[in-house]
Amino acid sequence: MNKVLLTGRLTRDPELRSLASGSSVATFAVATSEYRGAGKEHAEFHNVVVWDRLAVVCGQYLGKGQQVAIEGRLQTRQWDDDRGTRHWKTEVVATSVEMLSGRRKKDYQADALATQAAAAETTTDESAISPNEAAEVGVRTMPDESADEQTSDDEEVLVLA
């Protein structure tokens, strides 16, 4: 049986790529610690490969320093370089990745800024859209009751439906 269970921290942000076939792949490294007694510990570093939808999720939500639990299998690849030297690389091909430490504070802030930017892009002003176009995209108009005395009563304000 080829099964690996690891709990450790990411040593770098995941590197997300899309292949020509349309598949997504993310690679990152996880550091695990082995405690050897008398206050000594030994760190091991494991290369992890994640495919398809799980790769996209890892690329979006994981970052350096986060603690994760990984389940998968070991895979060893070999290749010859330009000089004819043979290389081997053993990796963990993950089938399950669980975030144990949650997201970092700056990630929450980045999401909030992105949400605000998206909201700002979707708001429109009256001069940018005609009433017919407004009806087509689901925007309805309402009279502006807070306008001062110098504006006309038939002036309208766009409200997103």
N, C-alpha and C. Protein backbone atom coordinates (compact mmCIF):
# COMPACT_ATOMS: atom_id res chain seq x y z
N MET A 1 0.85 -1.17 0.00
CA MET A 1 0.00 0.00 0.00
C MET A 1 0.90 1.24 0.00
N ASN A 2 0.61 2.19 -0.87
CA ASN A 2 1.38 3.43 -1.00
C ASN A 2 0.51 4.57 -0.49
N LYS A 3 0.66 4.91 0.79
CA LYS A 3 -0.16 5.96 1.40
C LYS A 3 0.72 6.80 2.31
N VAL A 4 0.54 8.13 2.19
CA VAL A 4 1.33 9.08 2.98
C VAL A 4 0.39 10.01 3.72
N LEU A 5 0.67 10.23 5.00
CA LEU A 5 -0.05 11.22 5.81
C LEU A 5 1.00 12.13 6.42
N LEU A 6 0.90 13.43 6.13
CA LEU A 6 1.86 14.41 6.64
C LEU A 6 1.13 15.57 7.29
N THR A 7 1.73 16.10 8.34
CA THR A 7 1.28 17.35 8.92
C THR A 7 2.50 18.23 9.06
N GLY A 8 2.45 19.40 8.45
CA GLY A 8 3.59 20.30 8.50
C GLY A 8 3.22 21.69 8.02
N ARG A 9 4.25 22.50 7.83
CA ARG A 9 4.05 23.89 7.39
C ARG A 9 4.64 24.09 5.99
N LEU A 10 3.94 24.92 5.19
CA LEU A 10 4.43 25.23 3.85
C LEU A 10 5.69 26.07 3.95
N THR A 11 6.69 25.72 3.15
CA THR A 11 7.94 26.47 3.14
C THR A 11 7.94 27.60 2.12
N ARG A 12 6.97 27.58 1.21
CA ARG A 12 6.83 28.63 0.20
C ARG A 12 5.38 28.62 -0.29
N ASP A 13 5.00 29.69 -0.95
CA ASP A 13 3.65 29.76 -1.54
C ASP A 13 3.55 28.72 -2.66
N PRO A 14 2.37 28.12 -2.84
CA PRO A 14 2.20 27.17 -3.95
C PRO A 14 2.41 27.84 -5.30
N GLU A 15 2.99 27.10 -6.21
CA GLU A 15 3.18 27.57 -7.58
C GLU A 15 2.13 26.89 -8.44
N LEU A 16 1.18 27.66 -8.95
CA LEU A 16 0.07 27.12 -9.73
C LEU A 16 0.33 27.33 -11.21
N ARG A 17 0.18 26.26 -12.00
CA ARG A 17 0.37 26.32 -13.44
C ARG A 17 -0.80 25.62 -14.13
N SER A 18 -1.06 26.03 -15.37
CA SER A 18 -2.04 25.35 -16.21
C SER A 18 -1.28 24.70 -17.35
N LEU A 19 -1.57 23.44 -17.59
CA LEU A 19 -0.91 22.70 -18.66
C LEU A 19 -1.66 22.90 -19.97
N ALA A 20 -1.01 22.55 -21.06
CA ALA A 20 -1.62 22.68 -22.39
C ALA A 20 -2.88 21.82 -22.50
N SER A 21 -2.94 20.74 -21.75
CA SER A 21 -4.10 19.85 -21.78
C SER A 21 -5.30 20.45 -21.05
N GLY A 22 -5.09 21.56 -20.32
CA GLY A 22 -6.17 22.18 -19.57
C GLY A 22 -6.16 21.84 -18.09
N SER A 23 -5.32 20.89 -17.70
CA SER A 23 -5.22 20.52 -16.29
C SER A 23 -4.44 21.56 -15.51
N SER A 24 -4.77 21.70 -14.24
CA SER A 24 -4.03 22.60 -13.36
C SER A 24 -3.17 21.76 -12.43
N VAL A 25 -1.99 22.29 -12.11
CA VAL A 25 -1.09 21.60 -11.19
C VAL A 25 -0.47 22.64 -10.27
N ALA A 26 -0.41 22.32 -8.99
CA ALA A 26 0.23 23.19 -8.00
C ALA A 26 1.33 22.39 -7.32
N THR A 27 2.46 23.04 -7.10
CA THR A 27 3.56 22.41 -6.39
C THR A 27 3.98 23.30 -5.22
N PHE A 28 4.34 22.67 -4.13
CA PHE A 28 4.83 23.38 -2.96
C PHE A 28 5.59 22.40 -2.08
N ALA A 29 6.26 22.90 -1.07
CA ALA A 29 7.03 22.05 -0.16
C ALA A 29 6.46 22.20 1.24
N VAL A 30 6.50 21.11 1.98
CA VAL A 30 6.03 21.08 3.36
C VAL A 30 7.17 20.61 4.25
N ALA A 31 7.37 21.32 5.35
CA ALA A 31 8.40 20.94 6.33
C ALA A 31 7.72 20.22 7.50
N THR A 32 8.26 19.08 7.86
CA THR A 32 7.78 18.34 9.03
C THR A 32 8.92 18.25 10.02
N SER A 33 8.59 18.08 11.29
CA SER A 33 9.61 18.00 12.34
C SER A 33 9.53 16.65 13.05
N GLU A 34 10.69 16.13 13.36
CA GLU A 34 10.80 14.91 14.15
C GLU A 34 11.52 15.28 15.43
N TYR A 35 10.89 14.99 16.56
CA TYR A 35 11.50 15.31 17.85
C TYR A 35 12.30 14.12 18.32
N ARG A 36 13.59 14.34 18.59
CA ARG A 36 14.50 13.24 18.92
C ARG A 36 14.87 13.19 20.40
N GLY A 37 14.17 13.92 21.21
CA GLY A 37 14.45 13.92 22.65
C GLY A 37 15.56 14.89 23.00
N ALA A 38 15.65 15.22 24.27
CA ALA A 38 16.65 16.15 24.79
C ALA A 38 16.57 17.51 24.08
N GLY A 39 15.37 17.88 23.65
CA GLY A 39 15.18 19.18 23.02
C GLY A 39 15.67 19.28 21.59
N LYS A 40 16.06 18.16 20.99
CA LYS A 40 16.54 18.18 19.61
C LYS A 40 15.40 17.83 18.65
N GLU A 41 15.41 18.51 17.54
CA GLU A 41 14.43 18.18 16.50
C GLU A 41 15.11 18.20 15.14
N HIS A 42 14.57 17.40 14.24
CA HIS A 42 15.11 17.28 12.89
C HIS A 42 14.00 17.60 11.89
N ALA A 43 14.28 18.49 10.97
CA ALA A 43 13.28 18.89 9.96
C ALA A 43 13.49 18.10 8.68
N GLU A 44 12.39 17.69 8.08
CA GLU A 44 12.38 17.04 6.77
C GLU A 44 11.55 17.91 5.84
N PHE A 45 11.92 17.95 4.58
CA PHE A 45 11.21 18.76 3.59
C PHE A 45 10.66 17.84 2.51
N HIS A 46 9.39 17.99 2.22
CA HIS A 46 8.69 17.11 1.29
C HIS A 46 8.11 17.93 0.15
N ASN A 47 8.39 17.53 -1.08
CA ASN A 47 7.79 18.18 -2.25
C ASN A 47 6.40 17.59 -2.47
N VAL A 48 5.42 18.47 -2.68
CA VAL A 48 4.03 18.05 -2.84
C VAL A 48 3.51 18.53 -4.18
N VAL A 49 2.77 17.65 -4.86
CA VAL A 49 2.14 17.97 -6.15
C VAL A 49 0.64 17.74 -6.00
N VAL A 50 -0.15 18.72 -6.46
CA VAL A 50 -1.61 18.63 -6.38
C VAL A 50 -2.17 18.91 -7.77
N TRP A 51 -3.21 18.17 -8.17
CA TRP A 51 -3.75 18.28 -9.52
C TRP A 51 -5.17 18.79 -9.55
N ASP A 52 -5.56 19.34 -10.68
CA ASP A 52 -6.92 19.74 -11.06
C ASP A 52 -7.55 20.74 -10.08
N ARG A 53 -8.79 20.52 -9.66
CA ARG A 53 -9.52 21.49 -8.84
C ARG A 53 -8.83 21.73 -7.50
N LEU A 54 -8.29 20.68 -6.91
CA LEU A 54 -7.57 20.82 -5.64
C LEU A 54 -6.35 21.72 -5.81
N ALA A 55 -5.71 21.66 -6.96
CA ALA A 55 -4.56 22.53 -7.24
C ALA A 55 -4.98 23.99 -7.27
N VAL A 56 -6.11 24.28 -7.89
CA VAL A 56 -6.60 25.66 -7.96
C VAL A 56 -6.92 26.18 -6.56
N VAL A 57 -7.57 25.36 -5.75
CA VAL A 57 -7.91 25.75 -4.38
C VAL A 57 -6.64 25.99 -3.56
N CYS A 58 -5.66 25.11 -3.69
CA CYS A 58 -4.39 25.29 -2.96
C CYS A 58 -3.69 26.57 -3.40
N GLY A 59 -3.70 26.84 -4.70
CA GLY A 59 -3.06 28.05 -5.20
C GLY A 59 -3.74 29.32 -4.69
N GLN A 60 -5.04 29.28 -4.47
CA GLN A 60 -5.79 30.45 -4.00
C GLN A 60 -5.66 30.67 -2.51
N TYR A 61 -5.69 29.61 -1.72
CA TYR A 61 -5.86 29.76 -0.28
C TYR A 61 -4.65 29.41 0.58
N LEU A 62 -3.67 28.72 0.04
CA LEU A 62 -2.51 28.35 0.86
C LEU A 62 -1.39 29.35 0.70
N GLY A 63 -0.60 29.51 1.74
CA GLY A 63 0.52 30.43 1.70
C GLY A 63 1.63 29.95 2.61
N LYS A 64 2.79 30.51 2.43
CA LYS A 64 3.97 30.15 3.20
C LYS A 64 3.67 30.27 4.70
N GLY A 65 4.08 29.24 5.44
CA GLY A 65 3.93 29.24 6.89
C GLY A 65 2.66 28.61 7.40
N GLN A 66 1.68 28.36 6.53
CA GLN A 66 0.43 27.75 6.98
C GLN A 66 0.63 26.28 7.29
N GLN A 67 -0.08 25.81 8.31
CA GLN A 67 0.00 24.41 8.69
C GLN A 67 -1.08 23.63 7.94
N VAL A 68 -0.68 22.49 7.36
CA VAL A 68 -1.61 21.68 6.57
C VAL A 68 -1.45 20.21 6.92
N ALA A 69 -2.51 19.46 6.68
CA ALA A 69 -2.48 18.00 6.77
C ALA A 69 -2.68 17.50 5.34
N ILE A 70 -1.80 16.62 4.91
CA ILE A 70 -1.82 16.13 3.53
C ILE A 70 -1.95 14.62 3.53
N GLU A 71 -2.80 14.13 2.63
CA GLU A 71 -2.94 12.70 2.42
C GLU A 71 -2.71 12.45 0.93
N GLY A 72 -1.93 11.42 0.63
CA GLY A 72 -1.64 11.13 -0.77
C GLY A 72 -0.78 9.88 -0.91
N ARG A 73 0.02 9.87 -1.97
CA ARG A 73 0.89 8.73 -2.25
C ARG A 73 2.25 9.23 -2.68
N LEU A 74 3.27 8.38 -2.55
CA LEU A 74 4.61 8.72 -3.01
C LEU A 74 4.76 8.37 -4.47
N GLN A 75 5.48 9.22 -5.19
CA GLN A 75 5.76 8.97 -6.60
C GLN A 75 7.18 9.40 -6.88
N THR A 76 7.95 8.56 -7.54
CA THR A 76 9.32 8.91 -7.91
C THR A 76 9.40 9.03 -9.42
N ARG A 77 9.92 10.18 -9.87
CA ARG A 77 10.12 10.42 -11.30
C ARG A 77 11.61 10.37 -11.58
N GLN A 78 11.96 10.00 -12.79
CA GLN A 78 13.37 10.05 -13.20
C GLN A 78 13.46 10.61 -14.61
N TRP A 79 14.57 11.31 -14.86
CA TRP A 79 14.80 11.90 -16.17
C TRP A 79 16.29 12.10 -16.37
N ASP A 80 16.68 12.26 -17.63
CA ASP A 80 18.06 12.56 -17.99
C ASP A 80 18.14 14.00 -18.45
N ASP A 81 19.13 14.73 -17.96
CA ASP A 81 19.28 16.12 -18.38
C ASP A 81 20.08 16.21 -19.67
N ASP A 82 20.40 17.43 -20.10
CA ASP A 82 21.12 17.66 -21.36
C ASP A 82 22.50 17.02 -21.38
N ARG A 83 23.13 16.89 -20.22
CA ARG A 83 24.47 16.30 -20.14
C ARG A 83 24.44 14.80 -19.98
N GLY A 84 23.23 14.22 -19.96
CA GLY A 84 23.11 12.77 -19.84
C GLY A 84 23.10 12.28 -18.40
N THR A 85 23.02 13.18 -17.45
CA THR A 85 22.98 12.79 -16.04
C THR A 85 21.56 12.41 -15.66
N ARG A 86 21.42 11.30 -14.98
CA ARG A 86 20.10 10.83 -14.56
C ARG A 86 19.74 11.47 -13.22
N HIS A 87 18.50 11.93 -13.11
CA HIS A 87 18.00 12.55 -11.88
C HIS A 87 16.76 11.81 -11.41
N TRP A 88 16.56 11.79 -10.08
CA TRP A 88 15.37 11.22 -9.48
C TRP A 88 14.75 12.25 -8.57
N LYS A 89 13.45 12.25 -8.52
CA LYS A 89 12.75 13.15 -7.62
C LYS A 89 11.55 12.41 -7.04
N THR A 90 11.49 12.36 -5.72
CA THR A 90 10.37 11.72 -5.04
C THR A 90 9.45 12.81 -4.51
N GLU A 91 8.17 12.69 -4.82
CA GLU A 91 7.19 13.69 -4.45
C GLU A 91 5.98 13.01 -3.81
N VAL A 92 5.23 13.80 -3.07
CA VAL A 92 3.95 13.35 -2.54
C VAL A 92 2.88 13.88 -3.49
N VAL A 93 2.12 13.00 -4.09
CA VAL A 93 1.00 13.40 -4.94
C VAL A 93 -0.22 13.40 -4.03
N ALA A 94 -0.67 14.59 -3.68
CA ALA A 94 -1.73 14.75 -2.68
C ALA A 94 -3.10 14.50 -3.29
N THR A 95 -3.92 13.78 -2.53
CA THR A 95 -5.32 13.58 -2.90
C THR A 95 -6.23 14.38 -1.97
N SER A 96 -5.69 14.81 -0.83
CA SER A 96 -6.46 15.59 0.14
C SER A 96 -5.52 16.56 0.85
N VAL A 97 -5.93 17.82 0.96
CA VAL A 97 -5.16 18.84 1.67
C VAL A 97 -6.13 19.55 2.61
N GLU A 98 -5.79 19.58 3.89
CA GLU A 98 -6.63 20.23 4.89
C GLU A 98 -5.86 21.36 5.55
N MET A 99 -6.43 22.55 5.57
CA MET A 99 -5.80 23.69 6.22
C MET A 99 -6.04 23.58 7.72
N LEU A 100 -4.95 23.57 8.49
CA LEU A 100 -5.07 23.45 9.94
C LEU A 100 -4.93 24.78 10.65
N SER A 101 -4.20 25.71 10.06
CA SER A 101 -3.94 26.98 10.75
C SER A 101 -4.83 28.11 10.27
N GLY A 102 -5.72 27.88 9.34
CA GLY A 102 -6.57 28.94 8.84
C GLY A 102 -5.80 29.87 7.91
N ARG A 103 -6.48 30.92 7.48
CA ARG A 103 -5.87 31.86 6.55
C ARG A 103 -5.17 32.97 7.31
N ARG A 104 -4.20 33.56 6.65
CA ARG A 104 -3.46 34.66 7.25
C ARG A 104 -4.28 35.94 7.19
N LYS A 105 -3.97 36.85 8.09
CA LYS A 105 -4.71 38.11 8.18
C LYS A 105 -4.63 38.90 6.89
N LYS A 106 -3.46 38.95 6.25
CA LYS A 106 -3.34 39.74 5.03
C LYS A 106 -4.17 39.15 3.89
N ASP A 107 -4.46 37.84 3.94
CA ASP A 107 -5.33 37.24 2.93
C ASP A 107 -6.76 37.73 3.08
N TYR A 108 -7.22 37.85 4.32
CA TYR A 108 -8.56 38.38 4.55
C TYR A 108 -8.65 39.82 4.06
N GLN A 109 -7.61 40.61 4.34
CA GLN A 109 -7.61 42.00 3.90
C GLN A 109 -7.60 42.09 2.38
N ALA A 110 -6.83 41.23 1.72
CA ALA A 110 -6.78 41.25 0.26
C ALA A 110 -8.14 40.89 -0.33
N ASP A 111 -8.84 39.92 0.28
CA ASP A 111 -10.17 39.55 -0.20
C ASP A 111 -11.16 40.70 -0.03
N ALA A 112 -11.06 41.41 1.10
CA ALA A 112 -11.96 42.53 1.33
C ALA A 112 -11.72 43.63 0.30
N LEU A 113 -10.46 43.91 -0.01
CA LEU A 113 -10.15 44.92 -1.02
C LEU A 113 -10.64 44.51 -2.40
N ALA A 114 -10.48 43.23 -2.73
CA ALA A 114 -10.95 42.74 -4.03
C ALA A 114 -12.47 42.84 -4.12
N THR A 115 -13.17 42.54 -3.04
CA THR A 115 -14.63 42.65 -3.02
C THR A 115 -15.06 44.09 -3.21
N GLN A 116 -14.37 45.02 -2.54
CA GLN A 116 -14.69 46.43 -2.69
C GLN A 116 -14.44 46.90 -4.12
N ALA A 117 -13.34 46.45 -4.72
CA ALA A 117 -13.02 46.84 -6.09
C ALA A 117 -14.07 46.31 -7.06
N ALA A 118 -14.50 45.08 -6.85
CA ALA A 118 -15.52 44.50 -7.72
C ALA A 118 -16.85 45.25 -7.57
N ALA A 119 -17.17 45.64 -6.36
CA ALA A 119 -18.41 46.39 -6.14
C ALA A 119 -18.33 47.76 -6.81
N ALA A 120 -17.17 48.39 -6.76
CA ALA A 120 -17.01 49.70 -7.40
C ALA A 120 -17.13 49.60 -8.91
N GLU A 121 -16.68 48.50 -9.49
CA GLU A 121 -16.77 48.31 -10.94
C GLU A 121 -18.21 48.10 -11.39
N THR A 122 -19.05 47.51 -10.53
CA THR A 122 -20.41 47.21 -10.94
C THR A 122 -21.35 48.39 -10.77
N THR A 123 -20.97 49.39 -9.98
CA THR A 123 -21.83 50.56 -9.84
C THR A 123 -21.71 51.43 -11.09
N THR A 124 -22.82 52.01 -11.47
CA THR A 124 -22.83 52.86 -12.67
C THR A 124 -23.47 54.18 -12.33
N ASP A 125 -23.17 55.20 -13.11
CA ASP A 125 -23.84 56.48 -12.92
C ASP A 125 -24.88 56.65 -14.03
N GLU A 126 -25.78 57.62 -13.85
CA GLU A 126 -26.91 57.80 -14.76
C GLU A 126 -26.47 58.13 -16.17
N SER A 127 -25.39 58.88 -16.32
CA SER A 127 -24.97 59.28 -17.65
C SER A 127 -24.36 58.14 -18.44
N ALA A 128 -23.97 57.06 -17.77
CA ALA A 128 -23.30 55.96 -18.45
C ALA A 128 -24.27 54.92 -18.99
N ILE A 129 -25.54 54.99 -18.61
CA ILE A 129 -26.48 53.97 -19.03
C ILE A 129 -27.84 54.62 -19.30
N SER A 130 -28.47 54.21 -20.39
CA SER A 130 -29.79 54.76 -20.72
C SER A 130 -30.86 53.97 -19.96
N PRO A 131 -32.08 54.52 -19.84
CA PRO A 131 -33.15 53.79 -19.15
C PRO A 131 -33.46 52.45 -19.81
N ASN A 132 -33.40 52.38 -21.14
CA ASN A 132 -33.65 51.11 -21.82
C ASN A 132 -32.57 50.08 -21.49
N GLU A 133 -31.30 50.53 -21.48
CA GLU A 133 -30.21 49.63 -21.12
C GLU A 133 -30.34 49.22 -19.67
N ALA A 134 -30.77 50.13 -18.82
CA ALA A 134 -30.93 49.82 -17.40
C ALA A 134 -31.95 48.71 -17.20
N ALA A 135 -33.05 48.76 -17.94
CA ALA A 135 -34.07 47.73 -17.82
C ALA A 135 -33.54 46.38 -18.28
N GLU A 136 -32.68 46.38 -19.31
CA GLU A 136 -32.13 45.13 -19.83
C GLU A 136 -31.20 44.45 -18.83
N VAL A 137 -30.43 45.23 -18.05
CA VAL A 137 -29.46 44.63 -17.13
C VAL A 137 -29.99 44.53 -15.70
N GLY A 138 -31.24 44.87 -15.48
CA GLY A 138 -31.83 44.71 -14.17
C GLY A 138 -31.61 45.88 -13.24
N VAL A 139 -31.36 47.06 -13.77
CA VAL A 139 -31.20 48.26 -12.96
C VAL A 139 -32.50 49.04 -13.03
N ARG A 140 -33.01 49.45 -11.89
CA ARG A 140 -34.22 50.24 -11.90
C ARG A 140 -33.91 51.64 -11.39
N THR A 141 -34.68 52.60 -11.83
CA THR A 141 -34.45 53.98 -11.43
C THR A 141 -35.48 54.40 -10.41
N MET A 142 -35.06 55.26 -9.49
CA MET A 142 -35.96 55.78 -8.47
C MET A 142 -35.73 57.28 -8.36
N PRO A 143 -36.78 58.05 -8.05
CA PRO A 143 -36.59 59.49 -7.87
C PRO A 143 -35.69 59.76 -6.68
N ASP A 144 -34.89 60.80 -6.78
CA ASP A 144 -33.99 61.18 -5.71
C ASP A 144 -34.72 62.10 -4.75
N GLU A 145 -35.09 61.60 -3.58
CA GLU A 145 -35.84 62.39 -2.61
C GLU A 145 -34.93 63.25 -1.74
N SER A 146 -33.63 63.00 -1.76
CA SER A 146 -32.72 63.76 -0.90
C SER A 146 -32.10 64.94 -1.63
N ALA A 147 -32.52 65.21 -2.85
CA ALA A 147 -31.93 66.31 -3.62
C ALA A 147 -32.34 67.65 -3.02
N ASP A 148 -31.49 68.63 -3.17
CA ASP A 148 -31.83 69.96 -2.63
C ASP A 148 -32.82 70.66 -3.55
N GLU A 149 -33.24 71.86 -3.18
CA GLU A 149 -34.31 72.57 -3.88
C GLU A 149 -33.96 72.96 -5.30
N GLN A 150 -32.69 73.08 -5.65
CA GLN A 150 -32.30 73.55 -6.97
C GLN A 150 -32.41 72.49 -8.04
N THR A 151 -32.53 71.23 -7.68
CA THR A 151 -32.64 70.18 -8.69
C THR A 151 -34.11 69.95 -9.02
N SER A 152 -34.37 69.43 -10.20
CA SER A 152 -35.74 69.20 -10.61
C SER A 152 -36.28 67.92 -9.98
N ASP A 153 -37.60 67.82 -9.87
CA ASP A 153 -38.22 66.67 -9.23
C ASP A 153 -38.13 65.41 -10.09
N ASP A 154 -37.96 65.55 -11.41
CA ASP A 154 -37.91 64.36 -12.26
C ASP A 154 -36.49 63.82 -12.45
N GLU A 155 -35.54 64.27 -11.65
CA GLU A 155 -34.19 63.73 -11.70
C GLU A 155 -34.20 62.35 -11.04
N GLU A 156 -33.48 61.42 -11.61
CA GLU A 156 -33.51 60.04 -11.11
C GLU A 156 -32.13 59.58 -10.67
N VAL A 157 -32.12 58.61 -9.78
CA VAL A 157 -30.90 57.99 -9.29
C VAL A 157 -30.97 56.51 -9.62
N LEU A 158 -29.87 55.93 -10.10
CA LEU A 158 -29.85 54.50 -10.42
C LEU A 158 -29.63 53.69 -9.17
N VAL A 159 -30.41 52.63 -9.01
CA VAL A 159 -30.30 51.71 -7.89
C VAL A 159 -30.17 50.32 -8.47
N LEU A 160 -29.16 49.57 -8.03
CA LEU A 160 -28.98 48.22 -8.52
C LEU A 160 -30.07 47.33 -7.95
N ALA A 161 -30.74 46.60 -8.81
CA ALA A 161 -31.85 45.75 -8.38
C ALA A 161 -31.33 44.45 -7.78
